[in-house]
Amino acid sequence: MRALVYHGPGSKAWQEVPKPQVVDDGDAVVRVDAVTICGTDLHILKGDVPAVTGGRILGHEAVGTVETTGPGVRTLEPGDKVLVSCITSCGTCRFCREGRYGQCLGGGGWILGHKIDGTQAEYVRVPFADTSVHRLPDGVPAEDVLMLADILPTGYEVGVLNGHVTPGDVVAVVGAGPIGLSTIMGARLFSPSRIIAIDLADTRLEAAKQFGADVMVNNSREDPAAIIRDLTGGLGADVTVEAVGVPNAFELAVALARPGGRIANIGVHGKPATLHLEEQWIRNITITTGLVDTFSTPTLLRLLAGGQLDAGRFVTHRFGLDDFPKAYEVFADAADTGALKVVLTR
């Protein structure tokens, strides 16, 4: 089969590799019907995730068709249409029993495209298939469901729920890429009074407006702190969300929070960020970090099937499965191309 293979920082190739086979009893081999690229893949290509080594097939999001299953798989059959989640769950370890699947001790967690070969390929082996894939809802386009493999549960869990967004809150989202937009979409479910989107690209701020942001701030030419102070009587935001993964974005998110505010970091950081405790210790702030657990995926699937989430609006560019080089180019140059999520299909 063909797959997108990482060959070290700055190097990747769409090339021939062996087709995956069932290795463990709980495995399923899934034919990839639709797949996308994540900002985390760009971080990997920059060298920000050293656990990913040369020769690894990238990708951790897909919709596909079950081809074969191991003898221990009980809930899936060949031909089933499934969502392959970015998080794999053994289902039995302490963290999985607590719903913290991202911290799985039994060989799961974020492993696809990280510790084992991933989804940017014609086929993928999914361990612990019974607890790590979801059947597609009837009547929902596959590419809409694909947005629930990673970005929507990530924004919802690590941004909205960790930030404890409540009705009437002022929410500031630093970064209006797919994760930031997912956070905006998820925050809207909790009726905040205002959502402020902050980004350096006007195209992404325009997207943020379409996704439900009330105020758009380009921090290359505007002062987000001054704008938020004006909106909050000088206090700052109740919740700030860092959705970029670079030091200055995190430091801005901390600075924008009010005393007693909550700061939810989502971004994948490859370099140290400064936390000015000499300024912040007295302000009663709460800072959370997190890898998505995907415990919310069943809830989000129900909202999607019920028409409460318009996940399809994330998809801005479509390619054939052999067009990975071009798709990566478009996705990486999002400020100019306007790309949010690119989808590659058979």
Foldseek 3Di string as FASTA:
>chain_A
DWFWWDAAAQDIDTDDDDQDDDDDQAKWKWFFFKFWDDVVVVCVNNVLQVLQHGGAGAGQWGWTFTQDHHNNHDPDDGGFIKTFAQWAALCDDPCNVVLQRLPHPPPIHRCDRRVHHHDLTRMDMHGNVNRGIGGADPPFDRVLLRCLNAQLLLLQVLAPVQQVQAAQFEEEEEDQFSNSLSVQLNSVVRHHPFYEYEEQFPLSQVVSVVSPHDHYYNVVPDDVLVVQCVVPVHFFGQEYEQAAAEQVSQVVSLVRHGQLHEYGYRHSHSDDHDDPCVPVVPRNYHYYYDDRSSPCSVVVSVCSVVVNDPSVVLEDEEEASVCVVVSVVLVVPCSVNVHRMYMHGD
